[in-house]
N, C-alpha and C. Protein backbone atom coordinates (compact mmCIF):
# COMPACT_ATOMS: atom_id res chain seq x y z
N MET A 1 0.81 -1.13 0.02
CA MET A 1 0.21 -0.04 -0.01
C MET A 1 1.04 1.14 -0.05
N PRO A 2 0.66 2.35 -1.05
CA PRO A 2 1.98 3.31 -0.78
C PRO A 2 1.08 4.07 0.48
N GLY A 3 2.48 4.90 0.75
CA GLY A 3 2.59 5.77 1.85
C GLY A 3 1.43 7.16 1.62
N LYS A 4 1.31 8.00 2.81
CA LYS A 4 0.90 9.34 2.54
C LYS A 4 0.75 10.14 3.85
N LEU A 5 1.19 11.22 3.50
CA LEU A 5 1.23 12.42 4.38
C LEU A 5 0.02 13.51 4.59
N GLU A 6 -0.03 13.10 5.67
CA GLU A 6 -1.48 14.28 6.28
C GLU A 6 -0.97 14.97 7.28
N VAL A 7 -0.82 16.25 7.03
CA VAL A 7 -0.90 17.69 8.32
C VAL A 7 -1.98 18.01 8.86
N ILE A 8 -2.08 18.09 9.84
CA ILE A 8 -2.96 19.20 10.24
C ILE A 8 -2.62 20.25 10.91
N THR A 9 -2.84 21.30 10.86
CA THR A 9 -2.56 22.67 11.32
C THR A 9 -3.35 23.13 11.91
N GLY A 10 -3.10 24.58 12.23
CA GLY A 10 -3.54 25.85 12.63
C GLY A 10 -3.20 26.67 13.82
N CYS A 11 -4.15 27.01 14.32
CA CYS A 11 -3.10 27.67 15.87
C CYS A 11 -3.46 27.17 17.12
N MET A 12 -3.18 27.66 18.09
CA MET A 12 -3.70 26.82 19.56
C MET A 12 -5.13 26.95 19.61
N PHE A 13 -5.14 25.83 20.03
CA PHE A 13 -6.74 25.70 20.38
C PHE A 13 -7.70 25.60 19.51
N ALA A 14 -7.28 25.27 18.37
CA ALA A 14 -8.41 24.68 17.50
C ALA A 14 -8.39 23.43 16.95
N GLY A 15 -7.87 22.49 17.64
CA GLY A 15 -8.34 20.97 17.91
C GLY A 15 -7.22 20.06 17.24
N LYS A 16 -6.00 20.84 17.27
CA LYS A 16 -5.37 19.88 16.03
C LYS A 16 -5.07 18.57 16.60
N THR A 17 -4.70 18.15 18.09
CA THR A 17 -4.30 17.48 18.77
C THR A 17 -5.26 16.18 18.69
N GLU A 18 -6.77 16.85 19.33
CA GLU A 18 -7.98 16.26 19.30
C GLU A 18 -8.15 15.96 17.71
N GLU A 19 -8.33 15.98 16.52
CA GLU A 19 -8.12 15.17 15.50
C GLU A 19 -7.28 14.28 15.05
N LEU A 20 -5.52 14.26 15.40
CA LEU A 20 -4.66 13.55 15.40
C LEU A 20 -5.43 12.33 16.29
N LEU A 21 -5.71 12.76 17.19
CA LEU A 21 -6.13 11.24 18.32
C LEU A 21 -7.19 10.82 17.45
N ARG A 22 -8.06 11.58 17.07
CA ARG A 22 -9.43 10.81 16.38
C ARG A 22 -8.79 10.13 15.45
N ARG A 23 -7.98 10.91 14.34
CA ARG A 23 -7.56 9.65 13.33
C ARG A 23 -6.72 8.58 13.57
N VAL A 24 -6.14 8.47 15.16
CA VAL A 24 -5.43 7.63 15.27
C VAL A 24 -6.04 6.63 16.18
N GLU A 25 -7.43 7.06 16.15
CA GLU A 25 -8.50 5.86 17.11
C GLU A 25 -9.28 5.00 15.97
N ARG A 26 -9.39 5.93 14.77
CA ARG A 26 -10.07 4.95 13.75
C ARG A 26 -9.00 4.48 12.93
N ALA A 27 -8.02 4.36 13.01
CA ALA A 27 -6.88 3.27 12.20
C ALA A 27 -7.25 2.30 13.03
N ARG A 28 -7.08 2.60 14.69
CA ARG A 28 -6.89 1.28 15.42
C ARG A 28 -8.06 0.69 15.67
N ILE A 29 -9.47 1.10 15.26
CA ILE A 29 -10.52 0.75 14.80
C ILE A 29 -10.63 -0.31 13.90
N ALA A 30 -9.82 0.26 13.05
CA ALA A 30 -9.62 -0.27 11.34
C ALA A 30 -8.51 -1.55 11.51
N LYS A 31 -7.92 -1.99 12.67
CA LYS A 31 -7.06 -2.85 13.19
C LYS A 31 -5.89 -2.89 12.52
N LYS A 32 -5.50 -1.33 12.52
CA LYS A 32 -4.31 -0.99 11.62
C LYS A 32 -3.51 -0.81 12.86
N ARG A 33 -2.08 -0.84 13.24
CA ARG A 33 -1.06 -0.71 14.06
C ARG A 33 -0.66 0.28 14.06
N VAL A 34 -0.38 1.43 15.32
CA VAL A 34 0.07 2.64 15.01
C VAL A 34 0.83 3.02 15.95
N LEU A 35 1.94 3.97 15.55
CA LEU A 35 2.64 4.68 16.71
C LEU A 35 2.82 5.90 16.99
N LEU A 36 2.31 6.08 18.17
CA LEU A 36 2.11 7.60 18.61
C LEU A 36 3.62 8.18 19.01
N PHE A 37 4.00 9.18 18.42
CA PHE A 37 5.09 10.41 19.35
C PHE A 37 5.02 11.65 19.59
N LYS A 38 5.49 12.22 20.44
CA LYS A 38 5.63 13.68 20.78
C LYS A 38 6.77 14.14 20.84
N PRO A 39 7.46 15.46 20.83
CA PRO A 39 8.45 15.69 21.10
C PRO A 39 8.86 15.51 22.63
N SER A 40 10.09 15.08 23.48
CA SER A 40 10.28 15.40 24.62
C SER A 40 10.07 16.95 25.25
N LEU A 41 10.45 17.57 24.62
CA LEU A 41 10.23 18.86 25.37
C LEU A 41 8.65 19.34 25.41
N ASP A 42 7.48 18.45 25.23
CA ASP A 42 6.34 18.71 25.46
C ASP A 42 6.35 17.96 26.71
N THR A 43 6.03 18.70 28.08
CA THR A 43 5.79 18.01 29.15
C THR A 43 4.49 18.35 29.90
N ARG A 44 3.78 19.30 29.18
CA ARG A 44 3.14 19.93 29.81
C ARG A 44 1.77 19.31 30.87
N TYR A 45 0.91 18.60 30.18
CA TYR A 45 0.13 17.33 30.44
C TYR A 45 0.52 16.15 30.87
N SER A 46 1.41 15.55 30.30
CA SER A 46 1.90 13.95 30.52
C SER A 46 3.29 13.77 29.45
N ALA A 47 4.16 13.45 30.18
CA ALA A 47 5.69 13.19 29.90
C ALA A 47 5.58 11.57 28.63
N GLU A 48 4.00 10.92 29.18
CA GLU A 48 4.37 9.76 28.61
C GLU A 48 2.62 9.21 27.41
N GLU A 49 2.40 10.54 27.37
CA GLU A 49 0.85 10.94 26.98
C GLU A 49 1.05 11.67 26.28
N VAL A 50 -0.09 11.82 25.11
CA VAL A 50 -0.63 12.87 24.36
C VAL A 50 -1.80 13.23 24.87
N VAL A 51 -1.69 14.63 25.02
CA VAL A 51 -3.11 14.85 25.74
C VAL A 51 -3.47 15.81 25.54
N THR A 52 -4.84 16.19 25.40
CA THR A 52 -5.07 17.29 24.41
C THR A 52 -5.70 18.31 25.34
N HIS A 53 -5.78 19.69 25.18
CA HIS A 53 -6.92 20.90 26.05
C HIS A 53 -7.37 20.31 27.01
N TYR A 54 -8.05 19.53 26.55
CA TYR A 54 -9.54 19.01 27.02
C TYR A 54 -9.29 17.88 27.68
N GLY A 55 -8.31 17.38 28.02
CA GLY A 55 -7.97 16.28 28.91
C GLY A 55 -8.20 14.80 28.47
N ARG A 56 -8.47 14.88 26.30
CA ARG A 56 -8.49 13.26 25.97
C ARG A 56 -6.52 12.94 25.70
N SER A 57 -6.32 11.38 25.86
CA SER A 57 -5.38 11.28 25.74
C SER A 57 -5.03 9.75 25.45
N LEU A 58 -3.90 9.82 24.58
CA LEU A 58 -3.14 8.45 24.43
C LEU A 58 -1.73 8.29 24.41
N PRO A 59 -1.27 6.75 24.94
CA PRO A 59 -0.21 6.49 24.99
C PRO A 59 0.78 7.36 23.85
N CYS A 60 1.71 7.31 24.50
CA CYS A 60 2.77 7.84 22.89
C CYS A 60 4.74 7.23 23.60
N HIS A 61 5.29 7.39 22.51
CA HIS A 61 6.86 7.85 22.58
C HIS A 61 7.33 8.74 22.77
N ARG A 62 8.45 9.27 23.24
CA ARG A 62 8.68 10.67 23.43
C ARG A 62 10.05 10.64 22.36
N LEU A 63 10.31 11.72 21.85
CA LEU A 63 11.83 11.77 20.77
C LEU A 63 12.36 13.27 20.86
N PRO A 64 13.65 13.27 20.38
CA PRO A 64 14.17 14.56 20.99
C PRO A 64 13.88 14.93 19.79
N SER A 65 14.07 16.27 19.66
CA SER A 65 14.19 17.39 18.36
C SER A 65 14.35 17.53 17.58
N GLU A 66 15.59 16.68 17.36
CA GLU A 66 16.58 16.40 16.42
C GLU A 66 16.35 14.72 16.64
N VAL A 67 15.75 14.05 15.50
CA VAL A 67 15.43 12.81 15.31
C VAL A 67 15.75 12.09 13.97
N SER A 68 16.29 11.33 13.74
CA SER A 68 16.63 10.19 12.37
C SER A 68 16.04 9.23 12.42
N MET A 69 16.10 8.51 11.31
CA MET A 69 15.41 7.05 11.03
C MET A 69 16.13 6.26 12.19
N GLY A 70 17.39 6.35 12.04
CA GLY A 70 18.35 5.28 13.34
C GLY A 70 17.97 5.26 14.32
N GLN A 71 17.40 6.48 15.15
CA GLN A 71 16.97 7.15 16.43
C GLN A 71 15.75 6.61 16.64
N LEU A 72 14.89 6.45 15.64
CA LEU A 72 13.08 6.02 15.36
C LEU A 72 13.26 4.76 15.45
N GLU A 73 14.04 3.66 14.78
CA GLU A 73 14.35 2.42 14.49
C GLU A 73 14.74 2.18 16.03
N ARG A 74 15.73 2.39 17.01
CA ARG A 74 16.91 2.05 17.99
C ARG A 74 15.48 2.07 19.20
N LEU A 75 14.76 3.16 19.15
CA LEU A 75 13.70 3.43 20.15
C LEU A 75 12.49 2.28 19.95
N VAL A 76 11.76 2.24 18.83
CA VAL A 76 11.12 1.14 18.82
C VAL A 76 10.90 -0.31 18.05
N GLY A 77 12.13 0.01 17.83
CA GLY A 77 12.60 -1.54 17.58
C GLY A 77 11.57 -2.06 16.13
N ASP A 78 11.11 -3.46 16.21
CA ASP A 78 10.53 -3.94 15.27
C ASP A 78 9.08 -3.60 15.00
N GLU A 79 8.31 -2.47 16.23
CA GLU A 79 7.08 -1.77 15.87
C GLU A 79 7.05 -0.76 14.84
N LEU A 80 8.23 0.19 14.62
CA LEU A 80 8.34 0.57 13.58
C LEU A 80 7.71 -0.36 12.26
N ALA A 81 8.64 -1.32 11.52
CA ALA A 81 8.81 -2.06 10.78
C ALA A 81 7.23 -2.54 10.57
N ALA A 82 6.54 -3.01 11.39
CA ALA A 82 5.22 -3.31 11.44
C ALA A 82 3.92 -2.52 11.48
N ALA A 83 4.49 -1.22 12.11
CA ALA A 83 3.23 -0.23 12.05
C ALA A 83 2.54 0.24 10.74
N ASP A 84 1.42 0.01 10.62
CA ASP A 84 0.86 1.13 9.38
C ASP A 84 0.93 2.31 9.63
N VAL A 85 0.64 3.03 10.42
CA VAL A 85 0.34 4.60 10.87
C VAL A 85 1.40 4.68 11.95
N VAL A 86 2.06 5.98 11.51
CA VAL A 86 2.75 6.82 12.19
C VAL A 86 2.55 8.10 12.49
N ALA A 87 2.11 8.57 13.82
CA ALA A 87 1.56 9.73 14.00
C ALA A 87 2.38 10.58 14.89
N PHE A 88 2.56 12.00 14.98
CA PHE A 88 3.37 12.92 15.96
C PHE A 88 2.38 14.04 15.76
N ASP A 89 2.57 14.60 17.45
CA ASP A 89 1.78 15.55 17.81
C ASP A 89 3.00 16.85 17.80
N GLU A 90 2.53 17.84 18.28
CA GLU A 90 3.52 18.93 17.97
C GLU A 90 4.87 19.26 16.97
N ALA A 91 4.50 18.98 16.03
CA ALA A 91 6.14 18.76 15.15
C ALA A 91 6.82 19.74 14.64
N HIS A 92 6.02 21.34 14.89
CA HIS A 92 6.70 22.65 14.78
C HIS A 92 7.89 22.43 15.91
N PHE A 93 8.09 21.44 17.28
CA PHE A 93 9.07 21.35 18.02
C PHE A 93 10.21 20.80 17.20
N PHE A 94 10.04 20.00 16.65
CA PHE A 94 10.91 18.87 15.78
C PHE A 94 12.07 19.77 14.62
N GLY A 95 13.24 19.43 14.57
CA GLY A 95 14.16 19.92 13.80
C GLY A 95 13.76 19.90 12.40
N ARG A 96 14.89 20.47 11.58
CA ARG A 96 14.37 20.94 10.23
C ARG A 96 14.66 19.49 9.38
N GLY A 97 15.08 18.58 10.29
CA GLY A 97 15.46 17.59 9.26
C GLY A 97 14.13 16.60 9.50
N PHE A 98 13.44 16.87 10.12
CA PHE A 98 11.94 16.32 10.57
C PHE A 98 11.20 15.78 9.29
N PRO A 99 11.02 17.01 8.09
CA PRO A 99 10.55 16.35 7.22
C PRO A 99 10.90 15.25 6.41
N GLU A 100 11.94 15.55 6.20
CA GLU A 100 12.92 14.27 5.40
C GLU A 100 12.36 12.77 6.72
N LEU A 101 12.45 12.78 7.39
CA LEU A 101 11.79 11.91 8.30
C LEU A 101 10.80 11.07 7.86
N CYS A 102 9.70 12.33 7.94
CA CYS A 102 8.22 11.67 7.17
C CYS A 102 8.69 11.30 6.06
N GLU A 103 9.25 11.96 4.82
CA GLU A 103 9.23 11.31 3.58
C GLU A 103 9.78 10.32 3.72
N ALA A 104 10.76 9.68 4.53
CA ALA A 104 11.37 8.26 4.23
C ALA A 104 10.46 7.61 4.96
N LEU A 105 9.06 7.75 6.22
CA LEU A 105 8.70 6.79 6.64
C LEU A 105 7.78 6.45 5.31
N VAL A 106 6.96 7.67 4.56
CA VAL A 106 5.89 7.70 3.62
C VAL A 106 6.66 6.58 2.10
N ALA A 107 7.54 6.77 1.99
CA ALA A 107 8.68 5.94 1.24
C ALA A 107 8.75 4.41 1.76
N ARG A 108 8.47 4.48 2.89
CA ARG A 108 8.33 2.57 3.08
C ARG A 108 6.93 2.52 3.58
N GLY A 109 5.79 3.13 2.30
CA GLY A 109 4.91 2.72 2.72
C GLY A 109 3.67 3.05 3.91
N LYS A 110 4.32 3.94 4.59
CA LYS A 110 3.26 4.54 6.04
C LYS A 110 2.43 5.31 5.86
N ARG A 111 1.21 5.27 6.41
CA ARG A 111 0.16 6.77 6.73
C ARG A 111 1.14 7.30 7.78
N VAL A 112 1.35 8.76 7.00
CA VAL A 112 2.14 9.69 8.94
C VAL A 112 1.37 10.65 9.00
N ILE A 113 0.71 10.84 9.92
CA ILE A 113 -0.02 11.77 10.22
C ILE A 113 0.74 12.95 11.51
N VAL A 114 0.71 14.25 10.94
CA VAL A 114 1.24 14.92 11.42
C VAL A 114 0.86 16.28 11.56
N ALA A 115 0.49 16.62 13.44
CA ALA A 115 0.01 18.24 14.10
C ALA A 115 1.05 19.04 14.63
N GLY A 116 0.42 19.91 14.13
CA GLY A 116 1.48 21.28 14.36
C GLY A 116 0.66 22.90 14.17
N LEU A 117 1.79 23.46 14.73
CA LEU A 117 1.40 25.02 14.75
C LEU A 117 2.10 25.68 13.57
N ASP A 118 0.95 25.78 12.68
CA ASP A 118 1.97 26.61 11.41
C ASP A 118 2.25 27.77 11.54
N LEU A 119 1.99 28.25 12.73
CA LEU A 119 2.59 30.14 12.63
C LEU A 119 3.15 30.03 14.47
N ASN A 120 4.27 30.89 14.60
CA ASN A 120 4.77 30.96 16.05
C ASN A 120 4.04 32.09 16.58
N PHE A 121 4.40 32.55 17.90
CA PHE A 121 3.39 33.42 18.69
C PHE A 121 3.71 34.93 17.82
N ARG A 122 4.92 35.24 16.44
CA ARG A 122 5.01 36.18 16.00
C ARG A 122 4.22 36.54 14.90
N GLY A 123 3.79 34.85 14.67
CA GLY A 123 2.84 35.36 13.53
C GLY A 123 3.53 34.58 12.07
N GLU A 124 5.02 34.25 12.52
CA GLU A 124 5.71 34.10 11.38
C GLU A 124 5.70 32.30 11.17
N PRO A 125 5.98 31.66 10.15
CA PRO A 125 6.14 30.32 9.73
C PRO A 125 6.88 29.14 11.04
N PHE A 126 6.53 27.94 11.45
CA PHE A 126 6.82 27.92 12.77
C PHE A 126 8.07 26.28 12.41
N GLY A 127 9.06 26.37 12.44
CA GLY A 127 9.68 25.41 12.28
C GLY A 127 9.78 24.29 11.31
N PRO A 128 9.60 23.07 11.24
CA PRO A 128 9.57 22.27 9.61
C PRO A 128 8.07 22.68 9.18
N MET A 129 7.25 23.05 9.70
CA MET A 129 5.69 22.95 9.07
C MET A 129 5.65 23.63 7.80
N PRO A 130 6.46 24.75 7.37
CA PRO A 130 5.67 25.17 6.17
C PRO A 130 6.38 24.03 5.38
N GLU A 131 7.70 23.41 5.31
CA GLU A 131 7.74 22.25 4.36
C GLU A 131 6.84 20.91 4.22
N LEU A 132 6.56 20.75 5.93
CA LEU A 132 5.78 19.51 6.02
C LEU A 132 4.40 19.94 5.02
N LEU A 133 3.90 21.34 4.99
CA LEU A 133 2.69 21.60 4.58
C LEU A 133 2.44 21.25 2.88
N ALA A 134 4.09 22.04 2.50
CA ALA A 134 4.73 21.60 0.91
C ALA A 134 4.97 20.13 0.54
N LEU A 135 5.04 19.08 1.18
CA LEU A 135 5.16 18.20 0.72
C LEU A 135 3.74 17.18 0.87
N ALA A 136 2.84 17.66 1.98
CA ALA A 136 1.64 16.37 2.62
C ALA A 136 0.58 16.27 1.53
N ASP A 137 0.75 15.10 1.58
CA ASP A 137 -1.14 14.79 0.83
C ASP A 137 -2.32 15.03 0.92
N GLU A 138 -2.26 15.86 2.10
CA GLU A 138 -3.26 16.02 2.59
C GLU A 138 -3.35 16.97 3.82
N VAL A 139 -4.02 18.28 4.01
CA VAL A 139 -3.79 18.82 4.69
C VAL A 139 -5.18 19.54 5.49
N VAL A 140 -5.19 19.89 6.33
CA VAL A 140 -6.37 20.60 7.20
C VAL A 140 -5.88 21.23 7.97
N LYS A 141 -6.55 22.48 7.70
CA LYS A 141 -6.24 23.86 8.49
C LYS A 141 -7.44 24.11 9.34
N LEU A 142 -7.39 23.89 10.85
CA LEU A 142 -8.07 24.04 11.65
C LEU A 142 -7.82 25.49 12.41
N GLN A 143 -9.21 26.11 12.57
CA GLN A 143 -9.20 27.41 13.12
C GLN A 143 -9.72 27.26 14.84
N ALA A 144 -9.52 28.08 15.79
CA ALA A 144 -10.02 28.07 16.57
C ALA A 144 -10.92 28.91 16.92
N VAL A 145 -11.26 29.75 17.93
CA VAL A 145 -12.45 31.24 18.20
C VAL A 145 -11.47 31.92 18.74
N CYS A 146 -11.29 32.82 18.27
CA CYS A 146 -11.05 34.32 18.71
C CYS A 146 -11.66 34.89 20.02
N VAL A 147 -10.77 34.96 20.98
CA VAL A 147 -11.16 35.12 22.60
C VAL A 147 -11.31 36.49 22.88
N VAL A 148 -10.98 37.32 21.64
CA VAL A 148 -11.19 38.66 21.70
C VAL A 148 -12.70 39.41 21.33
N CYS A 149 -13.29 38.80 19.82
CA CYS A 149 -14.08 39.38 19.16
C CYS A 149 -15.14 38.19 18.74
N GLY A 150 -14.82 37.19 18.98
CA GLY A 150 -15.74 35.62 18.33
C GLY A 150 -15.63 35.26 16.88
N LYS A 151 -14.21 35.92 15.95
CA LYS A 151 -14.31 35.17 14.85
C LYS A 151 -13.58 33.77 14.84
N PRO A 152 -13.53 33.57 13.30
CA PRO A 152 -12.29 32.31 13.31
C PRO A 152 -10.79 32.90 13.64
N ALA A 153 -10.23 32.13 14.73
CA ALA A 153 -8.99 32.46 15.12
C ALA A 153 -7.69 31.72 13.86
N THR A 154 -7.37 32.55 13.64
CA THR A 154 -5.68 31.47 12.94
C THR A 154 -4.71 31.92 13.45
N ARG A 155 -4.23 32.86 14.64
CA ARG A 155 -3.21 33.13 15.25
C ARG A 155 -3.34 32.55 16.50
N SER A 156 -1.86 32.68 17.12
CA SER A 156 -1.86 31.83 18.52
C SER A 156 -1.21 33.47 19.09
N GLN A 157 -1.49 34.27 20.29
CA GLN A 157 -1.02 35.25 20.77
C GLN A 157 -0.49 34.73 22.04
N ARG A 158 0.74 35.10 22.35
CA ARG A 158 1.53 34.76 23.86
C ARG A 158 1.17 36.09 24.49
N LEU A 159 1.11 35.34 26.16
CA LEU A 159 0.38 36.48 26.79
C LEU A 159 1.84 36.56 28.06
N ILE A 160 1.88 37.74 28.49
CA ILE A 160 2.88 37.97 29.66
C ILE A 160 1.91 38.89 30.74
N ASP A 161 1.72 38.04 31.67
CA ASP A 161 1.09 39.18 32.53
C ASP A 161 -0.26 39.49 32.12
N GLY A 162 -1.07 38.64 31.26
CA GLY A 162 -2.39 38.65 30.49
C GLY A 162 -2.09 39.73 29.47
N LYS A 163 -1.17 40.42 29.33
CA LYS A 163 -0.72 41.33 28.10
C LYS A 163 0.22 40.47 26.87
N PRO A 164 -0.21 41.48 25.22
CA PRO A 164 0.58 40.49 24.11
C PRO A 164 1.83 40.66 24.29
N ALA A 165 2.78 39.46 24.48
CA ALA A 165 4.27 39.32 24.51
C ALA A 165 4.99 40.49 23.43
N ARG A 166 5.95 41.37 23.93
CA ARG A 166 6.54 42.12 22.60
C ARG A 166 7.69 41.37 22.03
N GLU A 167 8.04 40.34 22.70
CA GLU A 167 9.48 39.78 22.52
C GLU A 167 9.35 38.12 23.14
N GLY A 168 10.45 37.76 23.15
CA GLY A 168 10.56 35.73 23.88
C GLY A 168 10.98 35.19 22.67
N PRO A 169 11.56 33.98 23.33
CA PRO A 169 12.05 33.00 22.47
C PRO A 169 11.08 32.26 21.93
N GLU A 170 11.15 31.94 20.75
CA GLU A 170 10.43 31.39 19.64
C GLU A 170 9.44 30.06 20.53
N ILE A 171 10.36 29.12 21.45
CA ILE A 171 9.50 28.16 22.09
C ILE A 171 9.67 28.04 23.35
N LEU A 172 8.05 28.50 23.86
CA LEU A 172 7.21 28.93 25.11
C LEU A 172 6.80 27.46 25.26
N ILE A 173 6.96 26.67 26.27
CA ILE A 173 5.57 25.73 26.20
C ILE A 173 4.85 26.36 27.36
N GLY A 174 3.45 26.22 26.92
CA GLY A 174 2.37 26.59 27.57
C GLY A 174 0.86 26.42 27.22
N GLY A 175 0.07 26.71 27.54
CA GLY A 175 -1.80 26.41 27.56
C GLY A 175 -2.27 27.84 27.85
N LEU A 176 -3.22 27.78 28.51
CA LEU A 176 -4.20 28.66 28.75
C LEU A 176 -3.43 29.84 29.38
N GLU A 177 -2.52 29.48 30.53
CA GLU A 177 -2.00 30.64 30.82
C GLU A 177 -1.33 31.42 30.23
N SER A 178 -0.83 31.06 29.06
CA SER A 178 0.25 32.09 28.84
C SER A 178 -0.44 31.62 26.61
N TYR A 179 -1.29 31.64 26.25
CA TYR A 179 -1.59 31.66 25.07
C TYR A 179 -3.17 31.93 24.72
N GLU A 180 -3.62 32.98 23.63
CA GLU A 180 -4.92 33.03 23.41
C GLU A 180 -5.19 32.64 21.53
N ALA A 181 -6.01 32.41 21.39
CA ALA A 181 -6.05 32.08 20.43
C ALA A 181 -7.25 33.57 19.53
N ARG A 182 -6.54 34.40 18.47
CA ARG A 182 -6.83 35.32 17.97
C ARG A 182 -7.30 35.33 16.95
N CYS A 183 -8.47 36.03 16.03
CA CYS A 183 -8.09 35.95 14.44
C CYS A 183 -6.80 37.44 13.79
N ARG A 184 -6.82 37.25 12.90
CA ARG A 184 -5.96 38.30 12.14
C ARG A 184 -6.24 40.04 12.88
N ASP A 185 -7.33 40.33 12.92
CA ASP A 185 -7.86 41.30 13.09
C ASP A 185 -7.33 41.65 14.68
N CYS A 186 -7.50 40.65 15.80
CA CYS A 186 -7.49 41.05 16.94
C CYS A 186 -6.00 40.68 17.30
N PHE A 187 -4.92 40.31 16.35
CA PHE A 187 -3.64 39.66 17.00
C PHE A 187 -2.89 40.74 16.58
N VAL A 188 -1.88 40.62 17.82
CA VAL A 188 -1.03 41.64 18.55
C VAL A 188 0.48 41.74 17.84
N PRO A 189 0.81 41.81 16.55
CA PRO A 189 1.86 41.17 16.13
C PRO A 189 3.32 41.97 17.28
N PRO A 190 4.21 41.24 17.89
CA PRO A 190 5.28 41.67 18.65
C PRO A 190 5.96 42.64 17.72
N ARG A 191 6.61 43.55 18.30
CA ARG A 191 7.21 44.71 17.34
C ARG A 191 9.01 44.69 18.08
């Protein structure tokens, strides 16, 4: 069976992880063998599970940000060869070599499902996501609800003391305490 790359993207609180887990569950119902991964630096809700903001979770393996096929094979061994579906959450945290890994898995006939933010808190393309979006066989771009005006949200507004962040590192792990979903009009870009 030919491989396929599916990318689920959008801003924070748009339901990317919910959609990823929905697809994983449907694959399991179809008796497909599934491997689920997340980056090691994402420890928000659980170190050993992919967890949505609403508490839904599934067990997973953790990976370093820079991961190669060799590392993946060493981590899960024969499970990788047997897997029909390989799913990754928080793909924006993986390194620039991540798209190459996904393409190698697709070349092995795997259905690869990736979920991640398309834009960082500055409103700029995030990590490996632009390349993954370009390579994808299927792209699903989800929207949240703008907490300011209620329109569809496409941006992740980082907050510091309840106000839009003006600076900071690209990666800052957080949830509702650190981010809001905002539409293009209500998003305040850092200067």
